[in-house]
Amino acid sequence: MAGFEIVKTPRALYKGPSEHPWVQLTDLRVHESKILGGIGQGFELTKDWFVEQRANIAARCIGVAVRCAEIAAAYTEEREAFGRNIQDYQGIEWKLADMAVEIMAAKALLYRCARV
């Protein structure tokens, strides 16, 4: 469409169905019949869309956090310090436990928000 240009599509940390391209609008003209919700209603439509998308983003972030915790736990089984696996050190156990608690709290919050 004249006046609409995708300038760049940055790489994302996830492989999803949608991208987040940077767009540039230059003297863009849109016919009234193509305007969603009417003139001046874009902010309201965007707010409604963000309600759903925030839950999706939160779910993806929790998935990433779970994977990071799995990788960290596996690493502690391999890595040695002072002749022992680092998983045997209480300080490392605390960090892994803190990660698990934070992930469970985030899941609980997401589930509660999604239920509403």
PDB file of N, CA and C in Angstrom:
ATOM      1  N   MET A   1       0.856  -1.173   0.000  1.00  0.00           N
ATOM      2  CA  MET A   1       0.000   0.000   0.000  1.00  0.00           C
ATOM      3  C   MET A   1       0.898   1.232   0.000  1.00  0.00           C
ATOM      4  N   ALA A   2       0.569   2.164  -0.807  1.00  0.00           N
ATOM      5  CA  ALA A   2       1.357   3.394  -0.890  1.00  0.00           C
ATOM      6  C   ALA A   2       1.358   4.099   0.467  1.00  0.00           C
ATOM      7  N   GLY A   3       2.554   4.461   0.922  1.00  0.00           N
ATOM      8  CA  GLY A   3       2.685   5.155   2.202  1.00  0.00           C
ATOM      9  C   GLY A   3       2.964   4.239   3.372  1.00  0.00           C
ATOM     10  N   PHE A   4       2.960   2.927   3.141  1.00  0.00           N
ATOM     11  CA  PHE A   4       3.239   1.939   4.190  1.00  0.00           C
ATOM     12  C   PHE A   4       4.484   1.159   3.806  1.00  0.00           C
ATOM     13  N   GLU A   5       5.474   1.136   4.703  1.00  0.00           N
ATOM     14  CA  GLU A   5       6.714   0.427   4.408  1.00  0.00           C
ATOM     15  C   GLU A   5       7.197  -0.322   5.641  1.00  0.00           C
ATOM     16  N   ILE A   6       7.569  -1.593   5.458  1.00  0.00           N
ATOM     17  CA  ILE A   6       8.218  -2.344   6.526  1.00  0.00           C
ATOM     18  C   ILE A   6       9.707  -2.038   6.419  1.00  0.00           C
ATOM     19  N   VAL A   7      10.222  -1.368   7.431  1.00  0.00           N
ATOM     20  CA  VAL A   7      11.610  -0.925   7.416  1.00  0.00           C
ATOM     21  C   VAL A   7      12.547  -2.047   7.823  1.00  0.00           C
ATOM     22  N   LYS A   8      12.166  -2.791   8.846  1.00  0.00           N
ATOM     23  CA  LYS A   8      13.043  -3.828   9.386  1.00  0.00           C
ATOM     24  C   LYS A   8      12.202  -4.813  10.181  1.00  0.00           C
ATOM     25  N   THR A   9      12.598  -6.069  10.161  1.00  0.00           N
ATOM     26  CA  THR A   9      11.951  -7.083  10.980  1.00  0.00           C
ATOM     27  C   THR A   9      13.022  -7.678  11.900  1.00  0.00           C
ATOM     28  N   PRO A  10      13.109  -7.157  13.133  1.00  0.00           N
ATOM     29  CA  PRO A  10      14.146  -7.648  14.048  1.00  0.00           C
ATOM     30  C   PRO A  10      13.935  -9.120  14.395  1.00  0.00           C
ATOM     31  N   ARG A  11      15.035  -9.809  14.656  1.00  0.00           N
ATOM     32  CA  ARG A  11      14.951 -11.197  15.093  1.00  0.00           C
ATOM     33  C   ARG A  11      14.364 -11.239  16.500  1.00  0.00           C
ATOM     34  N   ALA A  12      13.559 -12.243  16.757  1.00  0.00           N
ATOM     35  CA  ALA A  12      12.946 -12.413  18.069  1.00  0.00           C
ATOM     36  C   ALA A  12      13.580 -13.604  18.766  1.00  0.00           C
ATOM     37  N   LEU A  13      13.392 -13.678  20.068  1.00  0.00           N
ATOM     38  CA  LEU A  13      13.934 -14.783  20.853  1.00  0.00           C
ATOM     39  C   LEU A  13      13.061 -16.022  20.786  1.00  0.00           C
ATOM     40  N   TYR A  14      11.935 -15.931  20.145  1.00  0.00           N
ATOM     41  CA  TYR A  14      11.038 -17.071  20.050  1.00  0.00           C
ATOM     42  C   TYR A  14      10.623 -17.260  18.597  1.00  0.00           C
ATOM     43  N   LYS A  15      10.167 -18.438  18.301  1.00  0.00           N
ATOM     44  CA  LYS A  15       9.675 -18.732  16.955  1.00  0.00           C
ATOM     45  C   LYS A  15       8.156 -18.802  17.019  1.00  0.00           C
ATOM     46  N   GLY A  16       7.516 -17.718  16.727  1.00  0.00           N
ATOM     47  CA  GLY A  16       6.064 -17.674  16.791  1.00  0.00           C
ATOM     48  C   GLY A  16       5.464 -17.328  15.445  1.00  0.00           C
ATOM     49  N   PRO A  17       4.153 -17.296  15.374  1.00  0.00           N
ATOM     50  CA  PRO A  17       3.478 -17.037  14.100  1.00  0.00           C
ATOM     51  C   PRO A  17       3.521 -15.575  13.684  1.00  0.00           C
ATOM     52  N   SER A  18       3.815 -14.687  14.608  1.00  0.00           N
ATOM     53  CA  SER A  18       3.797 -13.268  14.271  1.00  0.00           C
ATOM     54  C   SER A  18       5.167 -12.645  14.493  1.00  0.00           C
ATOM     55  N   GLU A  19       5.425 -11.613  13.725  1.00  0.00           N
ATOM     56  CA  GLU A  19       6.667 -10.868  13.864  1.00  0.00           C
ATOM     57  C   GLU A  19       6.339  -9.484  14.398  1.00  0.00           C
ATOM     58  N   HIS A  20       7.364  -8.733  14.693  1.00  0.00           N
ATOM     59  CA  HIS A  20       7.185  -7.374  15.205  1.00  0.00           C
ATOM     60  C   HIS A  20       7.988  -6.406  14.337  1.00  0.00           C
ATOM     61  N   PRO A  21       7.511  -6.194  13.100  1.00  0.00           N
ATOM     62  CA  PRO A  21       8.292  -5.341  12.193  1.00  0.00           C
ATOM     63  C   PRO A  21       8.230  -3.865  12.583  1.00  0.00           C
ATOM     64  N   TRP A  22       9.274  -3.159  12.207  1.00  0.00           N
ATOM     65  CA  TRP A  22       9.285  -1.707  12.332  1.00  0.00           C
ATOM     66  C   TRP A  22       8.670  -1.176  11.039  1.00  0.00           C
ATOM     67  N   VAL A  23       7.685  -0.323  11.179  1.00  0.00           N
ATOM     68  CA  VAL A  23       7.025   0.212   9.984  1.00  0.00           C
ATOM     69  C   VAL A  23       7.204   1.723   9.909  1.00  0.00           C
ATOM     70  N   GLN A  24       7.106   2.210   8.695  1.00  0.00           N
ATOM     71  CA  GLN A  24       7.158   3.654   8.479  1.00  0.00           C
ATOM     72  C   GLN A  24       5.928   4.046   7.662  1.00  0.00           C
ATOM     73  N   LEU A  25       5.226   5.038   8.146  1.00  0.00           N
ATOM     74  CA  LEU A  25       4.048   5.549   7.454  1.00  0.00           C
ATOM     75  C   LEU A  25       4.394   6.914   6.887  1.00  0.00           C
ATOM     76  N   THR A  26       4.251   7.057   5.580  1.00  0.00           N
ATOM     77  CA  THR A  26       4.569   8.322   4.918  1.00  0.00           C
ATOM     78  C   THR A  26       3.367   8.735   4.080  1.00  0.00           C
ATOM     79  N   ASP A  27       2.675   9.752   4.547  1.00  0.00           N
ATOM     80  CA  ASP A  27       1.475  10.247   3.838  1.00  0.00           C
ATOM     81  C   ASP A  27       0.506   9.117   3.520  1.00  0.00           C
ATOM     82  N   LEU A  28       0.296   8.234   4.439  1.00  0.00           N
ATOM     83  CA  LEU A  28      -0.590   7.085   4.248  1.00  0.00           C
ATOM     84  C   LEU A  28      -2.042   7.544   4.265  1.00  0.00           C
ATOM     85  N   ARG A  29      -2.789   7.105   3.308  1.00  0.00           N
ATOM     86  CA  ARG A  29      -4.224   7.412   3.217  1.00  0.00           C
ATOM     87  C   ARG A  29      -4.996   6.104   3.319  1.00  0.00           C
ATOM     88  N   VAL A  30      -5.953   6.064   4.228  1.00  0.00           N
ATOM     89  CA  VAL A  30      -6.764   4.871   4.435  1.00  0.00           C
ATOM     90  C   VAL A  30      -8.228   5.261   4.258  1.00  0.00           C
ATOM     91  N   HIS A  31      -8.943   4.483   3.488  1.00  0.00           N
ATOM     92  CA  HIS A  31     -10.363   4.761   3.261  1.00  0.00           C
ATOM     93  C   HIS A  31     -11.135   4.526   4.565  1.00  0.00           C
ATOM     94  N   GLU A  32     -12.170   5.311   4.792  1.00  0.00           N
ATOM     95  CA  GLU A  32     -12.966   5.204   6.033  1.00  0.00           C
ATOM     96  C   GLU A  32     -13.471   3.794   6.284  1.00  0.00           C
ATOM     97  N   SER A  33     -13.800   3.061   5.242  1.00  0.00           N
ATOM     98  CA  SER A  33     -14.339   1.712   5.400  1.00  0.00           C
ATOM     99  C   SER A  33     -13.289   0.731   5.926  1.00  0.00           C
ATOM    100  N   LYS A  34     -12.032   1.097   5.867  1.00  0.00           N
ATOM    101  CA  LYS A  34     -10.944   0.220   6.307  1.00  0.00           C
ATOM    102  C   LYS A  34     -10.462   0.539   7.727  1.00  0.00           C
ATOM    103  N   ILE A  35     -11.050   1.532   8.360  1.00  0.00           N
ATOM    104  CA  ILE A  35     -10.618   1.936   9.702  1.00  0.00           C
ATOM    105  C   ILE A  35     -11.359   1.095  10.737  1.00  0.00           C
ATOM    106  N   LEU A  36     -10.599   0.374  11.548  1.00  0.00           N
ATOM    107  CA  LEU A  36     -11.193  -0.492  12.567  1.00  0.00           C
ATOM    108  C   LEU A  36     -11.743   0.340  13.716  1.00  0.00           C
ATOM    109  N   GLY A  37     -12.995   0.125  14.041  1.00  0.00           N
ATOM    110  CA  GLY A  37     -13.594   0.790  15.188  1.00  0.00           C
ATOM    111  C   GLY A  37     -13.910   2.253  14.988  1.00  0.00           C
ATOM    112  N   GLY A  38     -13.556   2.827  13.889  1.00  0.00           N
ATOM    113  CA  GLY A  38     -13.837   4.228  13.630  1.00  0.00           C
ATOM    114  C   GLY A  38     -12.665   5.131  13.981  1.00  0.00           C
ATOM    115  N   ILE A  39     -12.744   6.340  13.470  1.00  0.00           N
ATOM    116  CA  ILE A  39     -11.680   7.322  13.708  1.00  0.00           C
ATOM    117  C   ILE A  39     -11.630   7.667  15.192  1.00  0.00           C
ATOM    118  N   GLY A  40     -10.427   7.663  15.731  1.00  0.00           N
ATOM    119  CA  GLY A  40     -10.225   8.002  17.135  1.00  0.00           C
ATOM    120  C   GLY A  40     -10.376   6.831  18.102  1.00  0.00           C
ATOM    121  N   GLN A  41     -10.669   5.640  17.601  1.00  0.00           N
ATOM    122  CA  GLN A  41     -10.882   4.477  18.471  1.00  0.00           C
ATOM    123  C   GLN A  41      -9.687   3.528  18.530  1.00  0.00           C
ATOM    124  N   GLY A  42      -8.591   3.898  17.888  1.00  0.00           N
ATOM    125  CA  GLY A  42      -7.420   3.026  17.842  1.00  0.00           C
ATOM    126  C   GLY A  42      -6.859   2.698  19.210  1.00  0.00           C
ATOM    127  N   PHE A  43      -6.845   3.679  20.105  1.00  0.00           N
ATOM    128  CA  PHE A  43      -6.296   3.439  21.440  1.00  0.00           C
ATOM    129  C   PHE A  43      -7.115   2.396  22.188  1.00  0.00           C
ATOM    130  N   GLU A  44      -8.423   2.470  22.095  1.00  0.00           N
ATOM    131  CA  GLU A  44      -9.286   1.486  22.766  1.00  0.00           C
ATOM    132  C   GLU A  44      -9.071   0.083  22.204  1.00  0.00           C
ATOM    133  N   LEU A  45      -8.954  -0.027  20.884  1.00  0.00           N
ATOM    134  CA  LEU A  45      -8.694  -1.329  20.268  1.00  0.00           C
ATOM    135  C   LEU A  45      -7.336  -1.873  20.698  1.00  0.00           C
ATOM    136  N   THR A  46      -6.351  -0.997  20.774  1.00  0.00           N
ATOM    137  CA  THR A  46      -5.006  -1.415  21.178  1.00  0.00           C
ATOM    138  C   THR A  46      -5.009  -1.898  22.626  1.00  0.00           C
ATOM    139  N   LYS A  47      -5.720  -1.208  23.500  1.00  0.00           N
ATOM    140  CA  LYS A  47      -5.795  -1.644  24.905  1.00  0.00           C
ATOM    141  C   LYS A  47      -6.387  -3.042  25.000  1.00  0.00           C
ATOM    142  N   ASP A  48      -7.451  -3.304  24.258  1.00  0.00           N
ATOM    143  CA  ASP A  48      -8.079  -4.628  24.278  1.00  0.00           C
ATOM    144  C   ASP A  48      -7.113  -5.696  23.774  1.00  0.00           C
ATOM    145  N   TRP A  49      -6.374  -5.382  22.713  1.00  0.00           N
ATOM    146  CA  TRP A  49      -5.418  -6.330  22.144  1.00  0.00           C
ATOM    147  C   TRP A  49      -4.296  -6.624  23.136  1.00  0.00           C
ATOM    148  N   PHE A  50      -3.813  -5.592  23.829  1.00  0.00           N
ATOM    149  CA  PHE A  50      -2.716  -5.788  24.777  1.00  0.00           C
ATOM    150  C   PHE A  50      -3.110  -6.664  25.952  1.00  0.00           C
ATOM    151  N   VAL A  51      -4.372  -6.642  26.345  1.00  0.00           N
ATOM    152  CA  VAL A  51      -4.817  -7.507  27.449  1.00  0.00           C
ATOM    153  C   VAL A  51      -4.521  -8.961  27.112  1.00  0.00           C
ATOM    154  N   GLU A  52      -4.858  -9.382  25.915  1.00  0.00           N
ATOM    155  CA  GLU A  52      -4.609 -10.761  25.498  1.00  0.00           C
ATOM    156  C   GLU A  52      -3.125 -11.014  25.276  1.00  0.00           C
ATOM    157  N   GLN A  53      -2.448 -10.089  24.632  1.00  0.00           N
ATOM    158  CA  GLN A  53      -1.049 -10.296  24.289  1.00  0.00           C
ATOM    159  C   GLN A  53      -0.137 -10.335  25.519  1.00  0.00           C
ATOM    160  N   ARG A  54      -0.469  -9.590  26.537  1.00  0.00           N
ATOM    161  CA  ARG A  54       0.352  -9.624  27.751  1.00  0.00           C
ATOM    162  C   ARG A  54       0.361 -11.016  28.363  1.00  0.00           C
ATOM    163  N   ALA A  55      -0.760 -11.700  28.333  1.00  0.00           N
ATOM    164  CA  ALA A  55      -0.808 -13.072  28.849  1.00  0.00           C
ATOM    165  C   ALA A  55       0.041 -14.001  27.983  1.00  0.00           C
ATOM    166  N   ASN A  56       0.001 -13.828  26.673  1.00  0.00           N
ATOM    167  CA  ASN A  56       0.828 -14.634  25.778  1.00  0.00           C
ATOM    168  C   ASN A  56       2.311 -14.387  26.016  1.00  0.00           C
ATOM    169  N   ILE A  57       2.669 -13.128  26.167  1.00  0.00           N
ATOM    170  CA  ILE A  57       4.064 -12.782  26.420  1.00  0.00           C
ATOM    171  C   ILE A  57       4.517 -13.360  27.756  1.00  0.00           C
ATOM    172  N   ALA A  58       3.681 -13.254  28.771  1.00  0.00           N
ATOM    173  CA  ALA A  58       4.022 -13.809  30.087  1.00  0.00           C
ATOM    174  C   ALA A  58       4.222 -15.314  30.011  1.00  0.00           C
ATOM    175  N   ALA A  59       3.361 -16.000  29.277  1.00  0.00           N
ATOM    176  CA  ALA A  59       3.489 -17.455  29.148  1.00  0.00           C
ATOM    177  C   ALA A  59       4.800 -17.827  28.450  1.00  0.00           C
ATOM    178  N   ARG A  60       5.158 -17.087  27.409  1.00  0.00           N
ATOM    179  CA  ARG A  60       6.427 -17.366  26.729  1.00  0.00           C
ATOM    180  C   ARG A  60       7.611 -17.100  27.659  1.00  0.00           C
ATOM    181  N   CYS A  61       7.544 -16.024  28.427  1.00  0.00           N
ATOM    182  CA  CYS A  61       8.627 -15.704  29.362  1.00  0.00           C
ATOM    183  C   CYS A  61       8.782 -16.795  30.415  1.00  0.00           C
ATOM    184  N   ILE A  62       7.680 -17.325  30.890  1.00  0.00           N
ATOM    185  CA  ILE A  62       7.746 -18.413  31.870  1.00  0.00           C
ATOM    186  C   ILE A  62       8.364 -19.654  31.229  1.00  0.00           C
ATOM    187  N   GLY A  63       7.988 -19.938  29.997  1.00  0.00           N
ATOM    188  CA  GLY A  63       8.591 -21.068  29.291  1.00  0.00           C
ATOM    189  C   GLY A  63      10.094 -20.914  29.151  1.00  0.00           C
ATOM    190  N   VAL A  64      10.547 -19.709  28.829  1.00  0.00           N
ATOM    191  CA  VAL A  64      11.982 -19.437  28.727  1.00  0.00           C
ATOM    192  C   VAL A  64      12.644 -19.616  30.091  1.00  0.00           C
ATOM    193  N   ALA A  65      12.005 -19.123  31.137  1.00  0.00           N
ATOM    194  CA  ALA A  65      12.572 -19.250  32.486  1.00  0.00           C
ATOM    195  C   ALA A  65      12.695 -20.713  32.903  1.00  0.00           C
ATOM    196  N   VAL A  66      11.703 -21.523  32.581  1.00  0.00           N
ATOM    197  CA  VAL A  66      11.763 -22.961  32.895  1.00  0.00           C
ATOM    198  C   VAL A  66      12.946 -23.602  32.189  1.00  0.00           C
ATOM    199  N   ARG A  67      13.097 -23.277  30.909  1.00  0.00           N
ATOM    200  CA  ARG A  67      14.223 -23.853  30.154  1.00  0.00           C
ATOM    201  C   ARG A  67      15.560 -23.395  30.726  1.00  0.00           C
ATOM    202  N   CYS A  68      15.663 -22.139  31.104  1.00  0.00           N
ATOM    203  CA  CYS A  68      16.897 -21.629  31.713  1.00  0.00           C
ATOM    204  C   CYS A  68      17.205 -22.366  33.015  1.00  0.00           C
ATOM    205  N   ALA A  69      16.182 -22.626  33.811  1.00  0.00           N
ATOM    206  CA  ALA A  69      16.378 -23.358  35.067  1.00  0.00           C
ATOM    207  C   ALA A  69      16.850 -24.781  34.789  1.00  0.00           C
ATOM    208  N   GLU A  70      16.290 -25.403  33.762  1.00  0.00           N
ATOM    209  CA  GLU A  70      16.728 -26.759  33.396  1.00  0.00           C
ATOM    210  C   GLU A  70      18.192 -26.769  32.968  1.00  0.00           C
ATOM    211  N   ILE A  71      18.568 -25.795  32.173  1.00  0.00           N
ATOM    212  CA  ILE A  71      19.955 -25.700  31.712  1.00  0.00           C
ATOM    213  C   ILE A  71      20.887 -25.438  32.898  1.00  0.00           C
ATOM    214  N   ALA A  72      20.482 -24.560  33.796  1.00  0.00           N
ATOM    215  CA  ALA A  72      21.301 -24.248  34.967  1.00  0.00           C
ATOM    216  C   ALA A  72      21.480 -25.485  35.847  1.00  0.00           C
ATOM    217  N   ALA A  73      20.399 -26.222  36.061  1.00  0.00           N
ATOM    218  CA  ALA A  73      20.484 -27.427  36.895  1.00  0.00           C
ATOM    219  C   ALA A  73      21.393 -28.463  36.253  1.00  0.00           C
ATOM    220  N   ALA A  74      21.283 -28.636  34.937  1.00  0.00           N
ATOM    221  CA  ALA A  74      22.145 -29.594  34.239  1.00  0.00           C
ATOM    222  C   ALA A  74      23.604 -29.161  34.312  1.00  0.00           C
ATOM    223  N   TYR A  75      23.847 -27.871  34.224  1.00  0.00           N
ATOM    224  CA  TYR A  75      25.217 -27.355  34.292  1.00  0.00           C
ATOM    225  C   TYR A  75      25.839 -27.633  35.654  1.00  0.00           C
ATOM    226  N   THR A  76      25.043 -27.525  36.711  1.00  0.00           N
ATOM    227  CA  THR A  76      25.592 -27.770  38.056  1.00  0.00           C
ATOM    228  C   THR A  76      26.014 -29.224  38.240  1.00  0.00           C
ATOM    229  N   GLU A  77      25.438 -30.127  37.443  1.00  0.00           N
ATOM    230  CA  GLU A  77      25.832 -31.538  37.516  1.00  0.00           C
ATOM    231  C   GLU A  77      27.180 -31.779  36.830  1.00  0.00           C
ATOM    232  N   GLU A  78      27.519 -30.935  35.858  1.00  0.00           N
ATOM    233  CA  GLU A  78      28.759 -31.099  35.099  1.00  0.00           C
ATOM    234  C   GLU A  78      29.935 -30.318  35.688  1.00  0.00           C
ATOM    235  N   ARG A  79      29.666 -29.125  36.147  1.00  0.00           N
ATOM    236  CA  ARG A  79      30.718 -28.198  36.573  1.00  0.00           C
ATOM    237  C   ARG A  79      31.284 -28.600  37.919  1.00  0.00           C
ATOM    238  N   GLU A  80      32.603 -28.572  37.996  1.00  0.00           N
ATOM    239  CA  GLU A  80      33.278 -28.884  39.258  1.00  0.00           C
ATOM    240  C   GLU A  80      34.036 -27.673  39.755  1.00  0.00           C
ATOM    241  N   ALA A  81      34.114 -27.566  41.059  1.00  0.00           N
ATOM    242  CA  ALA A  81      34.916 -26.532  41.713  1.00  0.00           C
ATOM    243  C   ALA A  81      35.464 -27.131  43.004  1.00  0.00           C
ATOM    244  N   PHE A  82      36.739 -26.986  43.201  1.00  0.00           N
ATOM    245  CA  PHE A  82      37.400 -27.501  44.401  1.00  0.00           C
ATOM    246  C   PHE A  82      37.180 -29.002  44.565  1.00  0.00           C
ATOM    247  N   GLY A  83      37.163 -29.715  43.429  1.00  0.00           N
ATOM    248  CA  GLY A  83      37.072 -31.165  43.453  1.00  0.00           C
ATOM    249  C   GLY A  83      35.680 -31.745  43.640  1.00  0.00           C
ATOM    250  N   ARG A  84      34.641 -30.910  43.608  1.00  0.00           N
ATOM    251  CA  ARG A  84      33.263 -31.394  43.770  1.00  0.00           C
ATOM    252  C   ARG A  84      32.373 -30.755  42.713  1.00  0.00           C
ATOM    253  N   ASN A  85      31.283 -31.461  42.382  1.00  0.00           N
ATOM    254  CA  ASN A  85      30.273 -30.842  41.522  1.00  0.00           C
ATOM    255  C   ASN A  85      29.695 -29.643  42.261  1.00  0.00           C
ATOM    256  N   ILE A  86      29.436 -28.571  41.522  1.00  0.00           N
ATOM    257  CA  ILE A  86      28.917 -27.381  42.207  1.00  0.00           C
ATOM    258  C   ILE A  86      27.494 -27.573  42.716  1.00  0.00           C
ATOM    259  N   GLN A  87      26.792 -28.600  42.217  1.00  0.00           N
ATOM    260  CA  GLN A  87      25.438 -28.853  42.735  1.00  0.00           C
ATOM    261  C   GLN A  87      25.465 -29.277  44.199  1.00  0.00           C
ATOM    262  N   ASP A  88      26.636 -29.705  44.681  1.00  0.00           N
ATOM    263  CA  ASP A  88      26.758 -30.133  46.076  1.00  0.00           C
ATOM    264  C   ASP A  88      26.929 -28.960  47.040  1.00  0.00           C
ATOM    265  N   TYR A  89      27.126 -27.766  46.514  1.00  0.00           N
ATOM    266  CA  TYR A  89      27.298 -26.591  47.378  1.00  0.00           C
ATOM    267  C   TYR A  89      25.933 -25.989  47.701  1.00  0.00           C
ATOM    268  N   GLN A  90      25.734 -25.694  48.963  1.00  0.00           N
ATOM    269  CA  GLN A  90      24.431 -25.202  49.407  1.00  0.00           C
ATOM    270  C   GLN A  90      24.059 -23.875  48.746  1.00  0.00           C
ATOM    271  N   GLY A  91      25.044 -23.023  48.520  1.00  0.00           N
ATOM    272  CA  GLY A  91      24.763 -21.735  47.879  1.00  0.00           C
ATOM    273  C   GLY A  91      24.182 -21.903  46.486  1.00  0.00           C
ATOM    274  N   ILE A  92      24.658 -22.913  45.766  1.00  0.00           N
ATOM    275  CA  ILE A  92      24.110 -23.200  44.427  1.00  0.00           C
ATOM    276  C   ILE A  92      22.696 -23.746  44.555  1.00  0.00           C
ATOM    277  N   GLU A  93      22.489 -24.611  45.524  1.00  0.00           N
ATOM    278  CA  GLU A  93      21.137 -25.146  45.761  1.00  0.00           C
ATOM    279  C   GLU A  93      20.158 -24.016  46.050  1.00  0.00           C
ATOM    280  N   TRP A  94      20.592 -23.037  46.821  1.00  0.00           N
ATOM    281  CA  TRP A  94      19.718 -21.901  47.135  1.00  0.00           C
ATOM    282  C   TRP A  94      19.325 -21.159  45.855  1.00  0.00           C
ATOM    283  N   LYS A  95      20.302 -20.949  44.983  1.00  0.00           N
ATOM    284  CA  LYS A  95      20.009 -20.219  43.746  1.00  0.00           C
ATOM    285  C   LYS A  95      19.009 -20.987  42.872  1.00  0.00           C
ATOM    286  N   LEU A  96      19.211 -22.302  42.764  1.00  0.00           N
ATOM    287  CA  LEU A  96      18.274 -23.114  41.979  1.00  0.00           C
ATOM    288  C   LEU A  96      16.886 -23.114  42.622  1.00  0.00           C
ATOM    289  N   ALA A  97      16.845 -23.187  43.947  1.00  0.00           N
ATOM    290  CA  ALA A  97      15.558 -23.156  44.651  1.00  0.00           C
ATOM    291  C   ALA A  97      14.867 -21.813  44.450  1.00  0.00           C
ATOM    292  N   ASP A  98      15.635 -20.722  44.508  1.00  0.00           N
ATOM    293  CA  ASP A  98      15.058 -19.399  44.269  1.00  0.00           C
ATOM    294  C   ASP A  98      14.484 -19.298  42.858  1.00  0.00           C
ATOM    295  N   MET A  99      15.193 -19.867  41.888  1.00  0.00           N
ATOM    296  CA  MET A  99      14.688 -19.859  40.520  1.00  0.00           C
ATOM    297  C   MET A  99      13.353 -20.595  40.444  1.00  0.00           C
ATOM    298  N   ALA A 100      13.280 -21.758  41.087  1.00  0.00           N
ATOM    299  CA  ALA A 100      12.046 -22.552  41.056  1.00  0.00           C
ATOM    300  C   ALA A 100      10.893 -21.793  41.716  1.00  0.00           C
ATOM    301  N   VAL A 101      11.168 -21.128  42.820  1.00  0.00           N
ATOM    302  CA  VAL A 101      10.124 -20.367  43.520  1.00  0.00           C
ATOM    303  C   VAL A 101       9.621 -19.220  42.644  1.00  0.00           C
ATOM    304  N   GLU A 102      10.551 -18.497  42.025  1.00  0.00           N
ATOM    305  CA  GLU A 102      10.158 -17.382  41.158  1.00  0.00           C
ATOM    306  C   GLU A 102       9.321 -17.866  39.974  1.00  0.00           C
ATOM    307  N   ILE A 103       9.702 -18.988  39.398  1.00  0.00           N
ATOM    308  CA  ILE A 103       8.949 -19.534  38.269  1.00  0.00           C
ATOM    309  C   ILE A 103       7.551 -19.950  38.711  1.00  0.00           C
ATOM    310  N   MET A 104       7.441 -20.622  39.841  1.00  0.00           N
ATOM    311  CA  MET A 104       6.119 -21.045  40.325  1.00  0.00           C
ATOM    312  C   MET A 104       5.244 -19.845  40.675  1.00  0.00           C
ATOM    313  N   ALA A 105       5.844 -18.801  41.236  1.00  0.00           N
ATOM    314  CA  ALA A 105       5.077 -17.591  41.542  1.00  0.00           C
ATOM    315  C   ALA A 105       4.582 -16.936  40.254  1.00  0.00           C
ATOM    316  N   ALA A 106       5.435 -16.889  39.241  1.00  0.00           N
ATOM    317  CA  ALA A 106       5.029 -16.303  37.961  1.00  0.00           C
ATOM    318  C   ALA A 106       3.913 -17.122  37.324  1.00  0.00           C
ATOM    319  N   LYS A 107       4.022 -18.452  37.388  1.00  0.00           N
ATOM    320  CA  LYS A 107       2.956 -19.310  36.846  1.00  0.00           C
ATOM    321  C   LYS A 107       1.643 -19.070  37.571  1.00  0.00           C
ATOM    322  N   ALA A 108       1.705 -19.010  38.890  1.00  0.00           N
ATOM    323  CA  ALA A 108       0.487 -18.801  39.674  1.00  0.00           C
ATOM    324  C   ALA A 108      -0.160 -17.466  39.321  1.00  0.00           C
ATOM    325  N   LEU A 109       0.651 -16.437  39.172  1.00  0.00           N
ATOM    326  CA  LEU A 109       0.118 -15.125  38.814  1.00  0.00           C
ATOM    327  C   LEU A 109      -0.496 -15.143  37.420  1.00  0.00           C
ATOM    328  N   LEU A 110       0.196 -15.774  36.482  1.00  0.00           N
ATOM    329  CA  LEU A 110      -0.341 -15.875  35.122  1.00  0.00           C
ATOM    330  C   LEU A 110      -1.670 -16.618  35.114  1.00  0.00           C
ATOM    331  N   TYR A 111      -1.730 -17.760  35.801  1.00  0.00           N
ATOM    332  CA  TYR A 111      -2.981 -18.536  35.842  1.00  0.00           C
ATOM    333  C   TYR A 111      -4.111 -17.728  36.464  1.00  0.00           C
ATOM    334  N   ARG A 112      -3.776 -17.001  37.514  1.00  0.00           N
ATOM    335  CA  ARG A 112      -4.827 -16.199  38.186  1.00  0.00           C
ATOM    336  C   ARG A 112      -5.321 -15.089  37.261  1.00  0.00           C
ATOM    337  N   CYS A 113      -4.397 -14.413  36.585  1.00  0.00           N
ATOM    338  CA  CYS A 113      -4.797 -13.331  35.671  1.00  0.00           C
ATOM    339  C   CYS A 113      -5.589 -13.882  34.490  1.00  0.00           C
ATOM    340  N   ALA A 114      -5.184 -15.047  33.983  1.00  0.00           N
ATOM    341  CA  ALA A 114      -5.866 -15.631  32.831  1.00  0.00           C
ATOM    342  C   ALA A 114      -7.279 -16.077  33.191  1.00  0.00           C
ATOM    343  N   ARG A 115      -7.472 -16.469  34.433  1.00  0.00           N
ATOM    344  CA  ARG A 115      -8.789 -16.937  34.872  1.00  0.00           C
ATOM    345  C   ARG A 115      -9.799 -15.812  34.909  1.00  0.00           C
ATOM    346  N   VAL A 116      -9.369 -14.608  35.172  1.00  0.00           N
ATOM    347  CA  VAL A 116     -10.271 -13.467  35.338  1.00  0.00           C
ATOM    348  C   VAL A 116     -10.892 -13.071  34.076  1.00  0.00           C
TER     349      VAL A 116
END
